[in-house]
Amino acid sequence: MNKASRIAIIPLGMTLGTFLVVTYTLCVLYGLLVSDAGMHRLLSDLMPGFIWITWPSFFIGLVWAFVFGWYVAVVFAPIYNFFAPVGSKSGDA
């Protein structure tokens, strides 16, 4: 198997975690500016301990966003690495 076709979990986890932290921060800013009740409910449903909006709950949301990114990396990378050799053996890239 080609070493380049494998996905490393740590860089993927850091990338996805950071991406979701930035996305979460933008969602909170949007919710503050627009005052959309749907955003409040969504964040409260997805992140245990999150209450709209206090400083402690904002930081809880940051932690949850980063954890969700790592969850995706830990689940996705091994699945991809398992199936990647199958595609390379059949001539697909």
PDB file of N, CA and C in Angstrom:
ATOM      1  N   MET A   1       0.847  -1.184   0.000  1.00  0.00           N
ATOM      2  CA  MET A   1       0.000   0.000   0.000  1.00  0.00           C
ATOM      3  C   MET A   1       0.881   1.232   0.000  1.00  0.00           C
ATOM      4  N   ASN A   2       0.472   2.226  -0.722  1.00  0.00           N
ATOM      5  CA  ASN A   2       1.186   3.486  -0.806  1.00  0.00           C
ATOM      6  C   ASN A   2       1.010   4.265   0.490  1.00  0.00           C
ATOM      7  N   LYS A   3       2.120   4.668   1.113  1.00  0.00           N
ATOM      8  CA  LYS A   3       2.076   5.404   2.383  1.00  0.00           C
ATOM      9  C   LYS A   3       1.362   6.741   2.230  1.00  0.00           C
ATOM     10  N   ALA A   4       1.438   7.356   1.053  1.00  0.00           N
ATOM     11  CA  ALA A   4       0.813   8.661   0.827  1.00  0.00           C
ATOM     12  C   ALA A   4      -0.709   8.575   0.799  1.00  0.00           C
ATOM     13  N   SER A   5      -1.275   7.405   0.546  1.00  0.00           N
ATOM     14  CA  SER A   5      -2.726   7.290   0.462  1.00  0.00           C
ATOM     15  C   SER A   5      -3.386   7.167   1.834  1.00  0.00           C
ATOM     16  N   ARG A   6      -2.594   7.036   2.887  1.00  0.00           N
ATOM     17  CA  ARG A   6      -3.147   6.920   4.234  1.00  0.00           C
ATOM     18  C   ARG A   6      -3.397   8.300   4.832  1.00  0.00           C
ATOM     19  N   ILE A   7      -4.409   8.398   5.669  1.00  0.00           N
ATOM     20  CA  ILE A   7      -4.703   9.648   6.363  1.00  0.00           C
ATOM     21  C   ILE A   7      -4.226   9.505   7.805  1.00  0.00           C
ATOM     22  N   ALA A   8      -3.408  10.442   8.242  1.00  0.00           N
ATOM     23  CA  ALA A   8      -2.935  10.454   9.628  1.00  0.00           C
ATOM     24  C   ALA A   8      -4.012  11.057  10.520  1.00  0.00           C
ATOM     25  N   ILE A   9      -4.289  10.409  11.639  1.00  0.00           N
ATOM     26  CA  ILE A   9      -5.381  10.832  12.514  1.00  0.00           C
ATOM     27  C   ILE A   9      -5.088  12.167  13.200  1.00  0.00           C
ATOM     28  N   ILE A  10      -3.856  12.378  13.671  1.00  0.00           N
ATOM     29  CA  ILE A  10      -3.561  13.587  14.446  1.00  0.00           C
ATOM     30  C   ILE A  10      -3.718  14.864  13.618  1.00  0.00           C
ATOM     31  N   PRO A  11      -3.119  14.968  12.419  1.00  0.00           N
ATOM     32  CA  PRO A  11      -3.355  16.194  11.642  1.00  0.00           C
ATOM     33  C   PRO A  11      -4.829  16.375  11.255  1.00  0.00           C
ATOM     34  N   LEU A  12      -5.502  15.268  10.953  1.00  0.00           N
ATOM     35  CA  LEU A  12      -6.921  15.366  10.612  1.00  0.00           C
ATOM     36  C   LEU A  12      -7.736  15.828  11.819  1.00  0.00           C
ATOM     37  N   GLY A  13      -7.441  15.285  12.995  1.00  0.00           N
ATOM     38  CA  GLY A  13      -8.153  15.693  14.205  1.00  0.00           C
ATOM     39  C   GLY A  13      -7.938  17.154  14.543  1.00  0.00           C
ATOM     40  N   MET A  14      -6.689  17.608  14.436  1.00  0.00           N
ATOM     41  CA  MET A  14      -6.395  19.015  14.717  1.00  0.00           C
ATOM     42  C   MET A  14      -7.082  19.931  13.695  1.00  0.00           C
ATOM     43  N   THR A  15      -7.082  19.515  12.438  1.00  0.00           N
ATOM     44  CA  THR A  15      -7.703  20.322  11.384  1.00  0.00           C
ATOM     45  C   THR A  15      -9.213  20.408  11.582  1.00  0.00           C
ATOM     46  N   LEU A  16      -9.851  19.262  11.769  1.00  0.00           N
ATOM     47  CA  LEU A  16     -11.310  19.262  11.948  1.00  0.00           C
ATOM     48  C   LEU A  16     -11.717  19.947  13.249  1.00  0.00           C
ATOM     49  N   GLY A  17     -10.959  19.721  14.317  1.00  0.00           N
ATOM     50  CA  GLY A  17     -11.258  20.378  15.590  1.00  0.00           C
ATOM     51  C   GLY A  17     -11.184  21.892  15.469  1.00  0.00           C
ATOM     52  N   THR A  18     -10.133  22.386  14.825  1.00  0.00           N
ATOM     53  CA  THR A  18      -9.980  23.827  14.637  1.00  0.00           C
ATOM     54  C   THR A  18     -11.069  24.381  13.727  1.00  0.00           C
ATOM     55  N   PHE A  19     -11.371  23.651  12.659  1.00  0.00           N
ATOM     56  CA  PHE A  19     -12.441  24.081  11.754  1.00  0.00           C
ATOM     57  C   PHE A  19     -13.776  24.204  12.499  1.00  0.00           C
ATOM     58  N   LEU A  20     -14.102  23.230  13.328  1.00  0.00           N
ATOM     59  CA  LEU A  20     -15.377  23.282  14.046  1.00  0.00           C
ATOM     60  C   LEU A  20     -15.387  24.350  15.131  1.00  0.00           C
ATOM     61  N   VAL A  21     -14.240  24.641  15.742  1.00  0.00           N
ATOM     62  CA  VAL A  21     -14.166  25.735  16.720  1.00  0.00           C
ATOM     63  C   VAL A  21     -14.428  27.073  16.026  1.00  0.00           C
ATOM     64  N   VAL A  22     -13.822  27.271  14.859  1.00  0.00           N
ATOM     65  CA  VAL A  22     -14.058  28.508  14.105  1.00  0.00           C
ATOM     66  C   VAL A  22     -15.517  28.591  13.673  1.00  0.00           C
ATOM     67  N   THR A  23     -16.070  27.484  13.184  1.00  0.00           N
ATOM     68  CA  THR A  23     -17.465  27.461  12.758  1.00  0.00           C
ATOM     69  C   THR A  23     -18.405  27.738  13.927  1.00  0.00           C
ATOM     70  N   TYR A  24     -18.144  27.144  15.082  1.00  0.00           N
ATOM     71  CA  TYR A  24     -18.945  27.373  16.284  1.00  0.00           C
ATOM     72  C   TYR A  24     -18.911  28.849  16.676  1.00  0.00           C
ATOM     73  N   THR A  25     -17.716  29.438  16.655  1.00  0.00           N
ATOM     74  CA  THR A  25     -17.582  30.850  17.027  1.00  0.00           C
ATOM     75  C   THR A  25     -18.379  31.733  16.072  1.00  0.00           C
ATOM     76  N   LEU A  26     -18.314  31.430  14.777  1.00  0.00           N
ATOM     77  CA  LEU A  26     -19.102  32.197  13.802  1.00  0.00           C
ATOM     78  C   LEU A  26     -20.600  32.014  14.021  1.00  0.00           C
ATOM     79  N   CYS A  27     -21.019  30.806  14.384  1.00  0.00           N
ATOM     80  CA  CYS A  27     -22.445  30.555  14.665  1.00  0.00           C
ATOM     81  C   CYS A  27     -22.915  31.340  15.880  1.00  0.00           C
ATOM     82  N   VAL A  28     -22.089  31.389  16.917  1.00  0.00           N
ATOM     83  CA  VAL A  28     -22.450  32.161  18.113  1.00  0.00           C
ATOM     84  C   VAL A  28     -22.541  33.640  17.774  1.00  0.00           C
ATOM     85  N   LEU A  29     -21.567  34.145  17.022  1.00  0.00           N
ATOM     86  CA  LEU A  29     -21.615  35.556  16.614  1.00  0.00           C
ATOM     87  C   LEU A  29     -22.850  35.848  15.782  1.00  0.00           C
ATOM     88  N   TYR A  30     -23.180  34.950  14.876  1.00  0.00           N
ATOM     89  CA  TYR A  30     -24.390  35.109  14.071  1.00  0.00           C
ATOM     90  C   TYR A  30     -25.636  35.121  14.965  1.00  0.00           C
ATOM     91  N   GLY A  31     -25.678  34.204  15.924  1.00  0.00           N
ATOM     92  CA  GLY A  31     -26.814  34.146  16.836  1.00  0.00           C
ATOM     93  C   GLY A  31     -26.940  35.399  17.686  1.00  0.00           C
ATOM     94  N   LEU A  32     -25.812  35.998  18.061  1.00  0.00           N
ATOM     95  CA  LEU A  32     -25.846  37.238  18.833  1.00  0.00           C
ATOM     96  C   LEU A  32     -26.299  38.422  17.984  1.00  0.00           C
ATOM     97  N   LEU A  33     -25.844  38.466  16.742  1.00  0.00           N
ATOM     98  CA  LEU A  33     -26.186  39.592  15.865  1.00  0.00           C
ATOM     99  C   LEU A  33     -27.615  39.513  15.352  1.00  0.00           C
ATOM    100  N   VAL A  34     -28.066  38.325  15.006  1.00  0.00           N
ATOM    101  CA  VAL A  34     -29.389  38.163  14.405  1.00  0.00           C
ATOM    102  C   VAL A  34     -30.436  37.810  15.460  1.00  0.00           C
ATOM    103  N   SER A  35     -29.984  37.241  16.563  1.00  0.00           N
ATOM    104  CA  SER A  35     -30.863  36.812  17.649  1.00  0.00           C
ATOM    105  C   SER A  35     -31.877  35.779  17.165  1.00  0.00           C
ATOM    106  N   ASP A  36     -31.377  34.778  16.471  1.00  0.00           N
ATOM    107  CA  ASP A  36     -32.210  33.714  15.933  1.00  0.00           C
ATOM    108  C   ASP A  36     -32.410  32.645  16.996  1.00  0.00           C
ATOM    109  N   ALA A  37     -33.658  32.394  17.382  1.00  0.00           N
ATOM    110  CA  ALA A  37     -33.947  31.405  18.423  1.00  0.00           C
ATOM    111  C   ALA A  37     -33.581  29.991  17.979  1.00  0.00           C
ATOM    112  N   GLY A  38     -33.619  29.720  16.682  1.00  0.00           N
ATOM    113  CA  GLY A  38     -33.252  28.401  16.176  1.00  0.00           C
ATOM    114  C   GLY A  38     -31.802  28.068  16.449  1.00  0.00           C
ATOM    115  N   MET A  39     -30.929  29.059  16.352  1.00  0.00           N
ATOM    116  CA  MET A  39     -29.512  28.854  16.632  1.00  0.00           C
ATOM    117  C   MET A  39     -29.317  28.501  18.104  1.00  0.00           C
ATOM    118  N   HIS A  40     -30.058  29.155  18.971  1.00  0.00           N
ATOM    119  CA  HIS A  40     -29.948  28.890  20.404  1.00  0.00           C
ATOM    120  C   HIS A  40     -30.326  27.443  20.706  1.00  0.00           C
ATOM    121  N   ARG A  41     -31.440  27.004  20.144  1.00  0.00           N
ATOM    122  CA  ARG A  41     -31.899  25.632  20.390  1.00  0.00           C
ATOM    123  C   ARG A  41     -30.934  24.609  19.806  1.00  0.00           C
ATOM    124  N   LEU A  42     -30.437  24.873  18.608  1.00  0.00           N
ATOM    125  CA  LEU A  42     -29.526  23.937  17.957  1.00  0.00           C
ATOM    126  C   LEU A  42     -28.272  23.718  18.803  1.00  0.00           C
ATOM    127  N   LEU A  43     -27.656  24.792  19.238  1.00  0.00           N
ATOM    128  CA  LEU A  43     -26.429  24.662  20.022  1.00  0.00           C
ATOM    129  C   LEU A  43     -26.707  23.995  21.370  1.00  0.00           C
ATOM    130  N   SER A  44     -27.824  24.312  21.982  1.00  0.00           N
ATOM    131  CA  SER A  44     -28.174  23.691  23.268  1.00  0.00           C
ATOM    132  C   SER A  44     -28.443  22.197  23.105  1.00  0.00           C
ATOM    133  N   ASP A  45     -29.041  21.806  21.984  1.00  0.00           N
ATOM    134  CA  ASP A  45     -29.327  20.389  21.742  1.00  0.00           C
ATOM    135  C   ASP A  45     -28.059  19.596  21.420  1.00  0.00           C
ATOM    136  N   LEU A  46     -27.130  20.199  20.693  1.00  0.00           N
ATOM    137  CA  LEU A  46     -25.928  19.487  20.266  1.00  0.00           C
ATOM    138  C   LEU A  46     -24.841  19.399  21.338  1.00  0.00           C
ATOM    139  N   MET A  47     -24.814  20.369  22.237  1.00  0.00           N
ATOM    140  CA  MET A  47     -23.697  20.458  23.184  1.00  0.00           C
ATOM    141  C   MET A  47     -24.203  20.431  24.624  1.00  0.00           C
ATOM    142  N   PRO A  48     -24.050  19.287  25.289  1.00  0.00           N
ATOM    143  CA  PRO A  48     -24.486  19.198  26.683  1.00  0.00           C
ATOM    144  C   PRO A  48     -23.784  20.245  27.549  1.00  0.00           C
ATOM    145  N   GLY A  49     -24.544  20.914  28.384  1.00  0.00           N
ATOM    146  CA  GLY A  49     -23.989  21.928  29.267  1.00  0.00           C
ATOM    147  C   GLY A  49     -24.007  23.321  28.681  1.00  0.00           C
ATOM    148  N   PHE A  50     -24.404  23.446  27.404  1.00  0.00           N
ATOM    149  CA  PHE A  50     -24.421  24.756  26.758  1.00  0.00           C
ATOM    150  C   PHE A  50     -25.727  25.453  27.069  1.00  0.00           C
ATOM    151  N   ILE A  51     -25.627  26.691  27.558  1.00  0.00           N
ATOM    152  CA  ILE A  51     -26.794  27.543  27.822  1.00  0.00           C
ATOM    153  C   ILE A  51     -26.536  28.859  27.103  1.00  0.00           C
ATOM    154  N   TRP A  52     -27.509  29.349  26.361  1.00  0.00           N
ATOM    155  CA  TRP A  52     -27.305  30.583  25.588  1.00  0.00           C
ATOM    156  C   TRP A  52     -27.264  31.762  26.506  1.00  0.00           C
ATOM    157  N   ILE A  53     -26.411  32.667  26.362  1.00  0.00           N
ATOM    158  CA  ILE A  53     -25.002  32.573  26.170  1.00  0.00           C
ATOM    159  C   ILE A  53     -24.360  33.165  27.410  1.00  0.00           C
ATOM    160  N   THR A  54     -23.572  32.377  28.048  1.00  0.00           N
ATOM    161  CA  THR A  54     -22.748  32.832  29.162  1.00  0.00           C
ATOM    162  C   THR A  54     -21.309  32.490  28.806  1.00  0.00           C
ATOM    163  N   TRP A  55     -20.362  33.147  29.447  1.00  0.00           N
ATOM    164  CA  TRP A  55     -18.957  32.852  29.148  1.00  0.00           C
ATOM    165  C   TRP A  55     -18.601  31.396  29.419  1.00  0.00           C
ATOM    166  N   PRO A  56     -19.025  30.838  30.566  1.00  0.00           N
ATOM    167  CA  PRO A  56     -18.689  29.419  30.777  1.00  0.00           C
ATOM    168  C   PRO A  56     -19.286  28.503  29.711  1.00  0.00           C
ATOM    169  N   SER A  57     -20.524  28.760  29.298  1.00  0.00           N
ATOM    170  CA  SER A  57     -21.130  27.895  28.282  1.00  0.00           C
ATOM    171  C   SER A  57     -20.491  28.116  26.917  1.00  0.00           C
ATOM    172  N   PHE A  58     -20.011  29.318  26.635  1.00  0.00           N
ATOM    173  CA  PHE A  58     -19.294  29.551  25.385  1.00  0.00           C
ATOM    174  C   PHE A  58     -18.043  28.682  25.334  1.00  0.00           C
ATOM    175  N   PHE A  59     -17.310  28.627  26.440  1.00  0.00           N
ATOM    176  CA  PHE A  59     -16.099  27.808  26.478  1.00  0.00           C
ATOM    177  C   PHE A  59     -16.426  26.313  26.463  1.00  0.00           C
ATOM    178  N   ILE A  60     -17.539  25.933  27.069  1.00  0.00           N
ATOM    179  CA  ILE A  60     -17.994  24.540  26.971  1.00  0.00           C
ATOM    180  C   ILE A  60     -18.257  24.194  25.505  1.00  0.00           C
ATOM    181  N   GLY A  61     -18.885  25.116  24.786  1.00  0.00           N
ATOM    182  CA  GLY A  61     -19.144  24.903  23.363  1.00  0.00           C
ATOM    183  C   GLY A  61     -17.865  24.783  22.549  1.00  0.00           C
ATOM    184  N   LEU A  62     -16.859  25.585  22.895  1.00  0.00           N
ATOM    185  CA  LEU A  62     -15.571  25.466  22.206  1.00  0.00           C
ATOM    186  C   LEU A  62     -14.971  24.074  22.396  1.00  0.00           C
ATOM    187  N   VAL A  63     -15.045  23.585  23.633  1.00  0.00           N
ATOM    188  CA  VAL A  63     -14.508  22.255  23.919  1.00  0.00           C
ATOM    189  C   VAL A  63     -15.282  21.193  23.149  1.00  0.00           C
ATOM    190  N   TRP A  64     -16.608  21.273  23.159  1.00  0.00           N
ATOM    191  CA  TRP A  64     -17.421  20.291  22.442  1.00  0.00           C
ATOM    192  C   TRP A  64     -17.137  20.330  20.947  1.00  0.00           C
ATOM    193  N   ALA A  65     -16.979  21.518  20.380  1.00  0.00           N
ATOM    194  CA  ALA A  65     -16.691  21.628  18.948  1.00  0.00           C
ATOM    195  C   ALA A  65     -15.378  20.931  18.618  1.00  0.00           C
ATOM    196  N   PHE A  66     -14.364  21.142  19.450  1.00  0.00           N
ATOM    197  CA  PHE A  66     -13.071  20.503  19.222  1.00  0.00           C
ATOM    198  C   PHE A  66     -13.176  18.983  19.377  1.00  0.00           C
ATOM    199  N   VAL A  67     -13.929  18.537  20.374  1.00  0.00           N
ATOM    200  CA  VAL A  67     -14.133  17.097  20.594  1.00  0.00           C
ATOM    201  C   VAL A  67     -14.870  16.475  19.407  1.00  0.00           C
ATOM    202  N   PHE A  68     -15.869  17.151  18.864  1.00  0.00           N
ATOM    203  CA  PHE A  68     -16.589  16.626  17.705  1.00  0.00           C
ATOM    204  C   PHE A  68     -15.645  16.463  16.513  1.00  0.00           C
ATOM    205  N   GLY A  69     -14.735  17.412  16.330  1.00  0.00           N
ATOM    206  CA  GLY A  69     -13.758  17.300  15.244  1.00  0.00           C
ATOM    207  C   GLY A  69     -12.881  16.080  15.408  1.00  0.00           C
ATOM    208  N   TRP A  70     -12.436  15.837  16.643  1.00  0.00           N
ATOM    209  CA  TRP A  70     -11.610  14.660  16.908  1.00  0.00           C
ATOM    210  C   TRP A  70     -12.410  13.376  16.745  1.00  0.00           C
ATOM    211  N   TYR A  71     -13.673  13.398  17.123  1.00  0.00           N
ATOM    212  CA  TYR A  71     -14.517  12.218  16.948  1.00  0.00           C
ATOM    213  C   TYR A  71     -14.590  11.831  15.467  1.00  0.00           C
ATOM    214  N   VAL A  72     -14.822  12.816  14.608  1.00  0.00           N
ATOM    215  CA  VAL A  72     -14.887  12.543  13.172  1.00  0.00           C
ATOM    216  C   VAL A  72     -13.553  11.985  12.680  1.00  0.00           C
ATOM    217  N   ALA A  73     -12.447  12.567  13.137  1.00  0.00           N
ATOM    218  CA  ALA A  73     -11.122  12.103  12.695  1.00  0.00           C
ATOM    219  C   ALA A  73     -10.858  10.669  13.141  1.00  0.00           C
ATOM    220  N   VAL A  74     -11.193  10.363  14.386  1.00  0.00           N
ATOM    221  CA  VAL A  74     -10.922   9.027  14.933  1.00  0.00           C
ATOM    222  C   VAL A  74     -11.784   7.966  14.253  1.00  0.00           C
ATOM    223  N   VAL A  75     -12.973   8.335  13.829  1.00  0.00           N
ATOM    224  CA  VAL A  75     -13.839   7.375  13.142  1.00  0.00           C
ATOM    225  C   VAL A  75     -13.523   7.323  11.640  1.00  0.00           C
ATOM    226  N   PHE A  76     -13.330   8.478  11.011  1.00  0.00           N
ATOM    227  CA  PHE A  76     -13.176   8.541   9.563  1.00  0.00           C
ATOM    228  C   PHE A  76     -11.828   8.008   9.080  1.00  0.00           C
ATOM    229  N   ALA A  77     -10.737   8.402   9.707  1.00  0.00           N
ATOM    230  CA  ALA A  77      -9.395   8.042   9.207  1.00  0.00           C
ATOM    231  C   ALA A  77      -9.179   6.527   9.138  1.00  0.00           C
ATOM    232  N   PRO A  78      -9.507   5.763  10.181  1.00  0.00           N
ATOM    233  CA  PRO A  78      -9.320   4.315  10.052  1.00  0.00           C
ATOM    234  C   PRO A  78     -10.205   3.677   8.976  1.00  0.00           C
ATOM    235  N   ILE A  79     -11.419   4.182   8.837  1.00  0.00           N
ATOM    236  CA  ILE A  79     -12.301   3.641   7.796  1.00  0.00           C
ATOM    237  C   ILE A  79     -11.710   3.944   6.420  1.00  0.00           C
ATOM    238  N   TYR A  80     -11.253   5.173   6.222  1.00  0.00           N
ATOM    239  CA  TYR A  80     -10.631   5.537   4.952  1.00  0.00           C
ATOM    240  C   TYR A  80      -9.380   4.702   4.707  1.00  0.00           C
ATOM    241  N   ASN A  81      -8.540   4.579   5.728  1.00  0.00           N
ATOM    242  CA  ASN A  81      -7.298   3.817   5.580  1.00  0.00           C
ATOM    243  C   ASN A  81      -7.566   2.339   5.300  1.00  0.00           C
ATOM    244  N   PHE A  82      -8.677   1.828   5.788  1.00  0.00           N
ATOM    245  CA  PHE A  82      -9.049   0.443   5.516  1.00  0.00           C
ATOM    246  C   PHE A  82      -9.444   0.261   4.050  1.00  0.00           C
ATOM    247  N   PHE A  83     -10.242   1.201   3.527  1.00  0.00           N
ATOM    248  CA  PHE A  83     -10.761   1.052   2.179  1.00  0.00           C
ATOM    249  C   PHE A  83      -9.855   1.632   1.097  1.00  0.00           C
ATOM    250  N   ALA A  84      -8.903   2.480   1.451  1.00  0.00           N
ATOM    251  CA  ALA A  84      -8.025   3.099   0.444  1.00  0.00           C
ATOM    252  C   ALA A  84      -7.257   2.072  -0.382  1.00  0.00           C
ATOM    253  N   PRO A  85      -6.725   1.013   0.223  1.00  0.00           N
ATOM    254  CA  PRO A  85      -6.005   0.036  -0.598  1.00  0.00           C
ATOM    255  C   PRO A  85      -6.898  -0.666  -1.622  1.00  0.00           C
ATOM    256  N   VAL A  86      -8.170  -0.805  -1.316  1.00  0.00           N
ATOM    257  CA  VAL A  86      -9.088  -1.459  -2.242  1.00  0.00           C
ATOM    258  C   VAL A  86      -9.182  -0.658  -3.530  1.00  0.00           C
ATOM    259  N   GLY A  87      -9.277   0.667  -3.415  1.00  0.00           N
ATOM    260  CA  GLY A  87      -9.349   1.515  -4.601  1.00  0.00           C
ATOM    261  C   GLY A  87      -8.055   1.518  -5.383  1.00  0.00           C
ATOM    262  N   SER A  88      -6.911   1.455  -4.694  1.00  0.00           N
ATOM    263  CA  SER A  88      -5.637   1.510  -5.403  1.00  0.00           C
ATOM    264  C   SER A  88      -5.315   0.196  -6.130  1.00  0.00           C
ATOM    265  N   LYS A  89      -5.840  -0.929  -5.651  1.00  0.00           N
ATOM    266  CA  LYS A  89      -5.607  -2.218  -6.312  1.00  0.00           C
ATOM    267  C   LYS A  89      -6.398  -2.348  -7.598  1.00  0.00           C
ATOM    268  N   SER A  90      -7.543  -1.704  -7.655  1.00  0.00           N
ATOM    269  CA  SER A  90      -8.381  -1.811  -8.848  1.00  0.00           C
ATOM    270  C   SER A  90      -7.989  -0.801  -9.918  1.00  0.00           C
ATOM    271  N   GLY A  91      -6.952  -0.003  -9.663  1.00  0.00           N
ATOM    272  CA  GLY A  91      -6.496   0.959 -10.653  1.00  0.00           C
ATOM    273  C   GLY A  91      -7.078   2.336 -10.464  1.00  0.00           C
ATOM    274  N   ASP A  92      -8.024   2.489  -9.520  1.00  0.00           N
ATOM    275  CA  ASP A  92      -8.591   3.808  -9.248  1.00  0.00           C
ATOM    276  C   ASP A  92      -7.648   4.590  -8.364  1.00  0.00           C
ATOM    277  N   ALA A  93      -7.708   5.903  -8.441  1.00  0.00           N
ATOM    278  CA  ALA A  93      -6.813   6.726  -7.617  1.00  0.00           C
ATOM    279  C   ALA A  93      -7.399   6.985  -6.276  1.00  0.00           C
TER     280      ALA A  93
END
